[in-house]
Amino acid sequence: MPEVIFHIRWPDGVEERCYSPSTIIHQHLSAGQSYPLDDFLARVRAGLIEASDRVAAKYGFACSSAMDQLARIEANARRYSADDAPVICLSLQ
């Protein structure tokens, strides 16, 4: 399964390298697009869960790396309030 590395910039300017085990994340995020925090979390959650489900369908088990990535993103998002500037998806590779 082709993996995707996507880079994001949090509202405070901190950049983060993130992992998806599937290209399905391209259907949820676009490079250069900014998203309000709640929308970003909903999109990345949906994309990573769908990516993990694709791994499960192909290999018979969910992708723990996708779920770990989602947990890290959700933990980092707690530093910000809904009033913060949006999260930017810098690239998807």
PDB file of N, CA and C in Angstrom:
ATOM      1  N   MET A   1       0.844  -1.180   0.000  1.00  0.00           N
ATOM      2  CA  MET A   1       0.000   0.000   0.000  1.00  0.00           C
ATOM      3  C   MET A   1       0.889   1.244   0.000  1.00  0.00           C
ATOM      4  N   PRO A   2       0.627   2.195  -0.882  1.00  0.00           N
ATOM      5  CA  PRO A   2       1.469   3.399  -0.898  1.00  0.00           C
ATOM      6  C   PRO A   2       1.168   4.303   0.296  1.00  0.00           C
ATOM      7  N   GLU A   3       2.205   4.662   1.009  1.00  0.00           N
ATOM      8  CA  GLU A   3       2.036   5.550   2.157  1.00  0.00           C
ATOM      9  C   GLU A   3       2.148   6.996   1.701  1.00  0.00           C
ATOM     10  N   VAL A   4       1.675   7.894   2.545  1.00  0.00           N
ATOM     11  CA  VAL A   4       1.738   9.328   2.281  1.00  0.00           C
ATOM     12  C   VAL A   4       2.302  10.011   3.523  1.00  0.00           C
ATOM     13  N   ILE A   5       3.266  10.872   3.288  1.00  0.00           N
ATOM     14  CA  ILE A   5       3.766  11.746   4.345  1.00  0.00           C
ATOM     15  C   ILE A   5       3.135  13.115   4.099  1.00  0.00           C
ATOM     16  N   PHE A   6       2.481  13.649   5.118  1.00  0.00           N
ATOM     17  CA  PHE A   6       1.910  14.982   4.961  1.00  0.00           C
ATOM     18  C   PHE A   6       2.453  15.883   6.055  1.00  0.00           C
ATOM     19  N   HIS A   7       2.733  17.113   5.650  1.00  0.00           N
ATOM     20  CA  HIS A   7       3.292  18.107   6.563  1.00  0.00           C
ATOM     21  C   HIS A   7       2.218  19.139   6.873  1.00  0.00           C
ATOM     22  N   ILE A   8       2.113  19.482   8.151  1.00  0.00           N
ATOM     23  CA  ILE A   8       1.127  20.473   8.582  1.00  0.00           C
ATOM     24  C   ILE A   8       1.821  21.568   9.373  1.00  0.00           C
ATOM     25  N   ARG A   9       1.160  22.711   9.447  1.00  0.00           N
ATOM     26  CA  ARG A   9       1.624  23.818  10.295  1.00  0.00           C
ATOM     27  C   ARG A   9       0.496  24.158  11.255  1.00  0.00           C
ATOM     28  N   TRP A  10       0.794  24.042  12.540  1.00  0.00           N
ATOM     29  CA  TRP A  10      -0.165  24.355  13.590  1.00  0.00           C
ATOM     30  C   TRP A  10      -0.331  25.868  13.702  1.00  0.00           C
ATOM     31  N   PRO A  11      -1.373  26.345  14.391  1.00  0.00           N
ATOM     32  CA  PRO A  11      -1.622  27.783  14.505  1.00  0.00           C
ATOM     33  C   PRO A  11      -0.452  28.598  15.061  1.00  0.00           C
ATOM     34  N   ASP A  12       0.405  27.985  15.880  1.00  0.00           N
ATOM     35  CA  ASP A  12       1.537  28.733  16.445  1.00  0.00           C
ATOM     36  C   ASP A  12       2.782  28.679  15.557  1.00  0.00           C
ATOM     37  N   GLY A  13       2.651  28.110  14.353  1.00  0.00           N
ATOM     38  CA  GLY A  13       3.767  28.057  13.413  1.00  0.00           C
ATOM     39  C   GLY A  13       4.604  26.792  13.478  1.00  0.00           C
ATOM     40  N   VAL A  14       4.344  25.936  14.448  1.00  0.00           N
ATOM     41  CA  VAL A  14       5.085  24.676  14.572  1.00  0.00           C
ATOM     42  C   VAL A  14       4.672  23.761  13.425  1.00  0.00           C
ATOM     43  N   GLU A  15       5.670  23.198  12.738  1.00  0.00           N
ATOM     44  CA  GLU A  15       5.391  22.273  11.645  1.00  0.00           C
ATOM     45  C   GLU A  15       5.577  20.840  12.119  1.00  0.00           C
ATOM     46  N   GLU A  16       4.763  19.953  11.562  1.00  0.00           N
ATOM     47  CA  GLU A  16       4.803  18.552  11.969  1.00  0.00           C
ATOM     48  C   GLU A  16       4.735  17.659  10.735  1.00  0.00           C
ATOM     49  N   ARG A  17       5.518  16.607  10.747  1.00  0.00           N
ATOM     50  CA  ARG A  17       5.517  15.588   9.697  1.00  0.00           C
ATOM     51  C   ARG A  17       4.592  14.475  10.169  1.00  0.00           C
ATOM     52  N   CYS A  18       3.630  14.106   9.326  1.00  0.00           N
ATOM     53  CA  CYS A  18       2.631  13.117   9.695  1.00  0.00           C
ATOM     54  C   CYS A  18       2.608  11.982   8.670  1.00  0.00           C
ATOM     55  N   TYR A  19       2.073  10.837   9.091  1.00  0.00           N
ATOM     56  CA  TYR A  19       2.079   9.618   8.284  1.00  0.00           C
ATOM     57  C   TYR A  19       0.678   9.088   8.053  1.00  0.00           C
ATOM     58  N   SER A  20       0.413   8.670   6.821  1.00  0.00           N
ATOM     59  CA  SER A  20      -0.787   7.914   6.496  1.00  0.00           C
ATOM     60  C   SER A  20      -0.362   6.676   5.718  1.00  0.00           C
ATOM     61  N   PRO A  21      -0.911   5.515   6.052  1.00  0.00           N
ATOM     62  CA  PRO A  21      -0.548   4.294   5.333  1.00  0.00           C
ATOM     63  C   PRO A  21      -1.219   4.170   3.965  1.00  0.00           C
ATOM     64  N   SER A  22      -2.030   5.139   3.587  1.00  0.00           N
ATOM     65  CA  SER A  22      -2.788   5.056   2.345  1.00  0.00           C
ATOM     66  C   SER A  22      -2.929   6.434   1.702  1.00  0.00           C
ATOM     67  N   THR A  23      -3.056   6.423   0.382  1.00  0.00           N
ATOM     68  CA  THR A  23      -3.273   7.678  -0.345  1.00  0.00           C
ATOM     69  C   THR A  23      -4.677   8.240  -0.130  1.00  0.00           C
ATOM     70  N   ILE A  24      -5.537   7.516   0.564  1.00  0.00           N
ATOM     71  CA  ILE A  24      -6.899   7.989   0.821  1.00  0.00           C
ATOM     72  C   ILE A  24      -6.891   9.343   1.542  1.00  0.00           C
ATOM     73  N   ILE A  25      -5.816   9.670   2.230  1.00  0.00           N
ATOM     74  CA  ILE A  25      -5.718  10.957   2.933  1.00  0.00           C
ATOM     75  C   ILE A  25      -5.849  12.125   1.954  1.00  0.00           C
ATOM     76  N   HIS A  26      -5.487  11.898   0.678  1.00  0.00           N
ATOM     77  CA  HIS A  26      -5.628  12.938  -0.349  1.00  0.00           C
ATOM     78  C   HIS A  26      -7.086  13.341  -0.549  1.00  0.00           C
ATOM     79  N   GLN A  27      -8.015  12.467  -0.211  1.00  0.00           N
ATOM     80  CA  GLN A  27      -9.434  12.798  -0.345  1.00  0.00           C
ATOM     81  C   GLN A  27      -9.939  13.649   0.821  1.00  0.00           C
ATOM     82  N   HIS A  28      -9.101  13.804   1.837  1.00  0.00           N
ATOM     83  CA  HIS A  28      -9.511  14.542   3.034  1.00  0.00           C
ATOM     84  C   HIS A  28      -8.734  15.839   3.248  1.00  0.00           C
ATOM     85  N   LEU A  29      -7.517  15.897   2.739  1.00  0.00           N
ATOM     86  CA  LEU A  29      -6.673  17.080   2.883  1.00  0.00           C
ATOM     87  C   LEU A  29      -6.107  17.475   1.532  1.00  0.00           C
ATOM     88  N   SER A  30      -5.853  18.768   1.355  1.00  0.00           N
ATOM     89  CA  SER A  30      -5.229  19.274   0.133  1.00  0.00           C
ATOM     90  C   SER A  30      -4.021  20.120   0.492  1.00  0.00           C
ATOM     91  N   ALA A  31      -2.952  19.940  -0.252  1.00  0.00           N
ATOM     92  CA  ALA A  31      -1.737  20.726  -0.026  1.00  0.00           C
ATOM     93  C   ALA A  31      -2.022  22.208  -0.250  1.00  0.00           C
ATOM     94  N   GLY A  32      -1.522  23.030   0.662  1.00  0.00           N
ATOM     95  CA  GLY A  32      -1.701  24.470   0.570  1.00  0.00           C
ATOM     96  C   GLY A  32      -3.004  24.979   1.151  1.00  0.00           C
ATOM     97  N   GLN A  33      -3.850  24.091   1.597  1.00  0.00           N
ATOM     98  CA  GLN A  33      -5.158  24.464   2.137  1.00  0.00           C
ATOM     99  C   GLN A  33      -5.071  24.670   3.650  1.00  0.00           C
ATOM    100  N   SER A  34      -5.775  25.673   4.132  1.00  0.00           N
ATOM    101  CA  SER A  34      -5.873  25.867   5.577  1.00  0.00           C
ATOM    102  C   SER A  34      -7.278  25.466   6.021  1.00  0.00           C
ATOM    103  N   TYR A  35      -7.326  24.921   7.242  1.00  0.00           N
ATOM    104  CA  TYR A  35      -8.573  24.394   7.789  1.00  0.00           C
ATOM    105  C   TYR A  35      -8.753  24.905   9.212  1.00  0.00           C
ATOM    106  N   PRO A  36      -9.970  25.303   9.565  1.00  0.00           N
ATOM    107  CA  PRO A  36     -10.225  25.586  10.983  1.00  0.00           C
ATOM    108  C   PRO A  36      -9.895  24.328  11.794  1.00  0.00           C
ATOM    109  N   LEU A  37      -9.439  24.505  12.996  1.00  0.00           N
ATOM    110  CA  LEU A  37      -8.960  23.397  13.820  1.00  0.00           C
ATOM    111  C   LEU A  37      -9.951  22.235  13.884  1.00  0.00           C
ATOM    112  N   ASP A  38     -11.218  22.513  14.183  1.00  0.00           N
ATOM    113  CA  ASP A  38     -12.211  21.439  14.298  1.00  0.00           C
ATOM    114  C   ASP A  38     -12.398  20.705  12.972  1.00  0.00           C
ATOM    115  N   ASP A  39     -12.405  21.439  11.874  1.00  0.00           N
ATOM    116  CA  ASP A  39     -12.551  20.835  10.554  1.00  0.00           C
ATOM    117  C   ASP A  39     -11.325  19.990  10.225  1.00  0.00           C
ATOM    118  N   PHE A  40     -10.142  20.518  10.524  1.00  0.00           N
ATOM    119  CA  PHE A  40      -8.914  19.755  10.283  1.00  0.00           C
ATOM    120  C   PHE A  40      -8.945  18.432  11.042  1.00  0.00           C
ATOM    121  N   LEU A  41      -9.311  18.477  12.311  1.00  0.00           N
ATOM    122  CA  LEU A  41      -9.351  17.253  13.115  1.00  0.00           C
ATOM    123  C   LEU A  41     -10.360  16.255  12.552  1.00  0.00           C
ATOM    124  N   ALA A  42     -11.511  16.720  12.137  1.00  0.00           N
ATOM    125  CA  ALA A  42     -12.517  15.821  11.562  1.00  0.00           C
ATOM    126  C   ALA A  42     -12.001  15.195  10.270  1.00  0.00           C
ATOM    127  N   ARG A  43     -11.337  15.980   9.448  1.00  0.00           N
ATOM    128  CA  ARG A  43     -10.809  15.473   8.178  1.00  0.00           C
ATOM    129  C   ARG A  43      -9.694  14.460   8.405  1.00  0.00           C
ATOM    130  N   VAL A  44      -8.756  14.790   9.268  1.00  0.00           N
ATOM    131  CA  VAL A  44      -7.621  13.891   9.480  1.00  0.00           C
ATOM    132  C   VAL A  44      -8.078  12.622  10.196  1.00  0.00           C
ATOM    133  N   ARG A  45      -9.030  12.746  11.097  1.00  0.00           N
ATOM    134  CA  ARG A  45      -9.584  11.564  11.786  1.00  0.00           C
ATOM    135  C   ARG A  45     -10.251  10.638  10.761  1.00  0.00           C
ATOM    136  N   ALA A  46     -11.087  11.199   9.914  1.00  0.00           N
ATOM    137  CA  ALA A  46     -11.765  10.393   8.897  1.00  0.00           C
ATOM    138  C   ALA A  46     -10.751   9.757   7.941  1.00  0.00           C
ATOM    139  N   GLY A  47      -9.763  10.524   7.521  1.00  0.00           N
ATOM    140  CA  GLY A  47      -8.770  10.005   6.591  1.00  0.00           C
ATOM    141  C   GLY A  47      -7.912   8.904   7.169  1.00  0.00           C
ATOM    142  N   LEU A  48      -7.460   9.075   8.398  1.00  0.00           N
ATOM    143  CA  LEU A  48      -6.600   8.061   9.005  1.00  0.00           C
ATOM    144  C   LEU A  48      -7.378   6.805   9.406  1.00  0.00           C
ATOM    145  N   ILE A  49      -8.608   6.974   9.823  1.00  0.00           N
ATOM    146  CA  ILE A  49      -9.433   5.790  10.120  1.00  0.00           C
ATOM    147  C   ILE A  49      -9.708   5.024   8.826  1.00  0.00           C
ATOM    148  N   GLU A  50     -10.027   5.736   7.767  1.00  0.00           N
ATOM    149  CA  GLU A  50     -10.266   5.077   6.485  1.00  0.00           C
ATOM    150  C   GLU A  50      -8.989   4.393   5.980  1.00  0.00           C
ATOM    151  N   ALA A  51      -7.840   5.046   6.168  1.00  0.00           N
ATOM    152  CA  ALA A  51      -6.571   4.438   5.764  1.00  0.00           C
ATOM    153  C   ALA A  51      -6.313   3.160   6.557  1.00  0.00           C
ATOM    154  N   SER A  52      -6.549   3.196   7.847  1.00  0.00           N
ATOM    155  CA  SER A  52      -6.370   2.014   8.684  1.00  0.00           C
ATOM    156  C   SER A  52      -7.326   0.898   8.267  1.00  0.00           C
ATOM    157  N   ASP A  53      -8.554   1.266   7.931  1.00  0.00           N
ATOM    158  CA  ASP A  53      -9.530   0.278   7.471  1.00  0.00           C
ATOM    159  C   ASP A  53      -9.087  -0.373   6.160  1.00  0.00           C
ATOM    160  N   ARG A  54      -8.463   0.395   5.286  1.00  0.00           N
ATOM    161  CA  ARG A  54      -7.948  -0.170   4.035  1.00  0.00           C
ATOM    162  C   ARG A  54      -6.842  -1.193   4.311  1.00  0.00           C
ATOM    163  N   VAL A  55      -5.978  -0.865   5.271  1.00  0.00           N
ATOM    164  CA  VAL A  55      -4.934  -1.815   5.653  1.00  0.00           C
ATOM    165  C   VAL A  55      -5.577  -3.089   6.194  1.00  0.00           C
ATOM    166  N   ALA A  56      -6.586  -2.929   7.025  1.00  0.00           N
ATOM    167  CA  ALA A  56      -7.280  -4.094   7.600  1.00  0.00           C
ATOM    168  C   ALA A  56      -7.916  -4.950   6.511  1.00  0.00           C
ATOM    169  N   ALA A  57      -8.508  -4.305   5.521  1.00  0.00           N
ATOM    170  CA  ALA A  57      -9.136  -5.058   4.437  1.00  0.00           C
ATOM    171  C   ALA A  57      -8.105  -5.846   3.630  1.00  0.00           C
ATOM    172  N   LYS A  58      -6.929  -5.268   3.482  1.00  0.00           N
ATOM    173  CA  LYS A  58      -5.899  -5.932   2.679  1.00  0.00           C
ATOM    174  C   LYS A  58      -5.094  -6.964   3.464  1.00  0.00           C
ATOM    175  N   TYR A  59      -4.764  -6.654   4.718  1.00  0.00           N
ATOM    176  CA  TYR A  59      -3.852  -7.502   5.483  1.00  0.00           C
ATOM    177  C   TYR A  59      -4.495  -8.227   6.660  1.00  0.00           C
ATOM    178  N   GLY A  60      -5.733  -7.883   6.982  1.00  0.00           N
ATOM    179  CA  GLY A  60      -6.421  -8.572   8.056  1.00  0.00           C
ATOM    180  C   GLY A  60      -6.231  -7.968   9.438  1.00  0.00           C
ATOM    181  N   PHE A  61      -5.563  -6.820   9.522  1.00  0.00           N
ATOM    182  CA  PHE A  61      -5.396  -6.135  10.807  1.00  0.00           C
ATOM    183  C   PHE A  61      -5.302  -4.634  10.557  1.00  0.00           C
ATOM    184  N   ALA A  62      -5.787  -3.861  11.515  1.00  0.00           N
ATOM    185  CA  ALA A  62      -5.753  -2.400  11.404  1.00  0.00           C
ATOM    186  C   ALA A  62      -4.323  -1.886  11.475  1.00  0.00           C
ATOM    187  N   CYS A  63      -4.126  -0.667  11.013  1.00  0.00           N
ATOM    188  CA  CYS A  63      -2.793  -0.066  11.014  1.00  0.00           C
ATOM    189  C   CYS A  63      -2.578   0.714  12.312  1.00  0.00           C
ATOM    190  N   SER A  64      -1.770   0.170  13.190  1.00  0.00           N
ATOM    191  CA  SER A  64      -1.509   0.845  14.461  1.00  0.00           C
ATOM    192  C   SER A  64      -0.752   2.157  14.246  1.00  0.00           C
ATOM    193  N   SER A  65       0.041   2.250  13.194  1.00  0.00           N
ATOM    194  CA  SER A  65       0.777   3.497  12.919  1.00  0.00           C
ATOM    195  C   SER A  65      -0.186   4.639  12.588  1.00  0.00           C
ATOM    196  N   ALA A  66      -1.243   4.338  11.867  1.00  0.00           N
ATOM    197  CA  ALA A  66      -2.239   5.368  11.554  1.00  0.00           C
ATOM    198  C   ALA A  66      -2.950   5.822  12.823  1.00  0.00           C
ATOM    199  N   MET A  67      -3.288   4.868  13.688  1.00  0.00           N
ATOM    200  CA  MET A  67      -3.974   5.227  14.928  1.00  0.00           C
ATOM    201  C   MET A  67      -3.036   5.983  15.887  1.00  0.00           C
ATOM    202  N   ASP A  68      -1.761   5.604  15.895  1.00  0.00           N
ATOM    203  CA  ASP A  68      -0.773   6.339  16.697  1.00  0.00           C
ATOM    204  C   ASP A  68      -0.633   7.770  16.193  1.00  0.00           C
ATOM    205  N   GLN A  69      -0.601   7.928  14.859  1.00  0.00           N
ATOM    206  CA  GLN A  69      -0.499   9.264  14.278  1.00  0.00           C
ATOM    207  C   GLN A  69      -1.707  10.108  14.648  1.00  0.00           C
ATOM    208  N   LEU A  70      -2.887   9.523  14.550  1.00  0.00           N
ATOM    209  CA  LEU A  70      -4.108  10.241  14.918  1.00  0.00           C
ATOM    210  C   LEU A  70      -4.057  10.661  16.378  1.00  0.00           C
ATOM    211  N   ALA A  71      -3.616   9.787  17.254  1.00  0.00           N
ATOM    212  CA  ALA A  71      -3.516  10.126  18.676  1.00  0.00           C
ATOM    213  C   ALA A  71      -2.554  11.292  18.902  1.00  0.00           C
ATOM    214  N   ARG A  72      -1.420  11.299  18.182  1.00  0.00           N
ATOM    215  CA  ARG A  72      -0.460  12.407  18.328  1.00  0.00           C
ATOM    216  C   ARG A  72      -1.062  13.720  17.847  1.00  0.00           C
ATOM    217  N   ILE A  73      -1.752  13.669  16.703  1.00  0.00           N
ATOM    218  CA  ILE A  73      -2.371  14.895  16.179  1.00  0.00           C
ATOM    219  C   ILE A  73      -3.428  15.403  17.158  1.00  0.00           C
ATOM    220  N   GLU A  74      -4.259  14.522  17.664  1.00  0.00           N
ATOM    221  CA  GLU A  74      -5.297  14.946  18.609  1.00  0.00           C
ATOM    222  C   GLU A  74      -4.694  15.497  19.894  1.00  0.00           C
ATOM    223  N   ALA A  75      -3.599  14.898  20.370  1.00  0.00           N
ATOM    224  CA  ALA A  75      -2.931  15.402  21.575  1.00  0.00           C
ATOM    225  C   ALA A  75      -2.349  16.788  21.317  1.00  0.00           C
ATOM    226  N   ASN A  76      -1.715  16.968  20.183  1.00  0.00           N
ATOM    227  CA  ASN A  76      -1.139  18.276  19.861  1.00  0.00           C
ATOM    228  C   ASN A  76      -2.223  19.330  19.684  1.00  0.00           C
ATOM    229  N   ALA A  77      -3.365  18.948  19.137  1.00  0.00           N
ATOM    230  CA  ALA A  77      -4.459  19.892  18.906  1.00  0.00           C
ATOM    231  C   ALA A  77      -5.017  20.451  20.210  1.00  0.00           C
ATOM    232  N   ARG A  78      -4.864  19.721  21.295  1.00  0.00           N
ATOM    233  CA  ARG A  78      -5.387  20.194  22.592  1.00  0.00           C
ATOM    234  C   ARG A  78      -4.684  21.464  23.078  1.00  0.00           C
ATOM    235  N   ARG A  79      -3.551  21.792  22.479  1.00  0.00           N
ATOM    236  CA  ARG A  79      -2.830  23.017  22.871  1.00  0.00           C
ATOM    237  C   ARG A  79      -3.529  24.272  22.362  1.00  0.00           C
ATOM    238  N   TYR A  80      -4.474  24.107  21.462  1.00  0.00           N
ATOM    239  CA  TYR A  80      -5.094  25.251  20.799  1.00  0.00           C
ATOM    240  C   TYR A  80      -6.581  25.295  21.111  1.00  0.00           C
ATOM    241  N   SER A  81      -7.146  26.477  20.966  1.00  0.00           N
ATOM    242  CA  SER A  81      -8.591  26.612  21.131  1.00  0.00           C
ATOM    243  C   SER A  81      -9.221  26.736  19.746  1.00  0.00           C
ATOM    244  N   ALA A  82     -10.520  26.578  19.693  1.00  0.00           N
ATOM    245  CA  ALA A  82     -11.233  26.672  18.416  1.00  0.00           C
ATOM    246  C   ALA A  82     -11.090  28.059  17.804  1.00  0.00           C
ATOM    247  N   ASP A  83     -10.703  29.062  18.606  1.00  0.00           N
ATOM    248  CA  ASP A  83     -10.551  30.423  18.102  1.00  0.00           C
ATOM    249  C   ASP A  83      -9.199  30.654  17.443  1.00  0.00           C
ATOM    250  N   ASP A  84      -8.293  29.691  17.561  1.00  0.00           N
ATOM    251  CA  ASP A  84      -6.972  29.852  16.972  1.00  0.00           C
ATOM    252  C   ASP A  84      -7.038  29.893  15.454  1.00  0.00           C
ATOM    253  N   ALA A  85      -5.957  30.403  14.865  1.00  0.00           N
ATOM    254  CA  ALA A  85      -5.831  30.403  13.410  1.00  0.00           C
ATOM    255  C   ALA A  85      -5.881  28.965  12.902  1.00  0.00           C
ATOM    256  N   PRO A  86      -6.175  28.796  11.633  1.00  0.00           N
ATOM    257  CA  PRO A  86      -6.329  27.447  11.099  1.00  0.00           C
ATOM    258  C   PRO A  86      -5.029  26.649  11.024  1.00  0.00           C
ATOM    259  N   VAL A  87      -5.198  25.359  10.850  1.00  0.00           N
ATOM    260  CA  VAL A  87      -4.092  24.446  10.598  1.00  0.00           C
ATOM    261  C   VAL A  87      -3.912  24.394   9.083  1.00  0.00           C
ATOM    262  N   ILE A  88      -2.671  24.448   8.622  1.00  0.00           N
ATOM    263  CA  ILE A  88      -2.386  24.425   7.195  1.00  0.00           C
ATOM    264  C   ILE A  88      -1.756  23.099   6.817  1.00  0.00           C
ATOM    265  N   CYS A  89      -2.266  22.495   5.775  1.00  0.00           N
ATOM    266  CA  CYS A  89      -1.632  21.317   5.191  1.00  0.00           C
ATOM    267  C   CYS A  89      -0.613  21.836   4.183  1.00  0.00           C
ATOM    268  N   LEU A  90       0.650  21.700   4.508  1.00  0.00           N
ATOM    269  CA  LEU A  90       1.701  22.244   3.655  1.00  0.00           C
ATOM    270  C   LEU A  90       1.966  21.368   2.427  1.00  0.00           C
ATOM    271  N   SER A  91       1.954  20.066   2.613  1.00  0.00           N
ATOM    272  CA  SER A  91       2.230  19.164   1.491  1.00  0.00           C
ATOM    273  C   SER A  91       1.742  17.767   1.799  1.00  0.00           C
ATOM    274  N   LEU A  92       1.540  17.011   0.747  1.00  0.00           N
ATOM    275  CA  LEU A  92       1.225  15.579   0.829  1.00  0.00           C
ATOM    276  C   LEU A  92       2.148  14.905  -0.180  1.00  0.00           C
ATOM    277  N   GLN A  93       2.969  13.978   0.312  1.00  0.00           N
ATOM    278  CA  GLN A  93       3.938  13.342  -0.587  1.00  0.00           C
ATOM    279  C   GLN A  93       3.803  11.850  -0.519  1.00  0.00           C
TER     280      GLN A  93
END
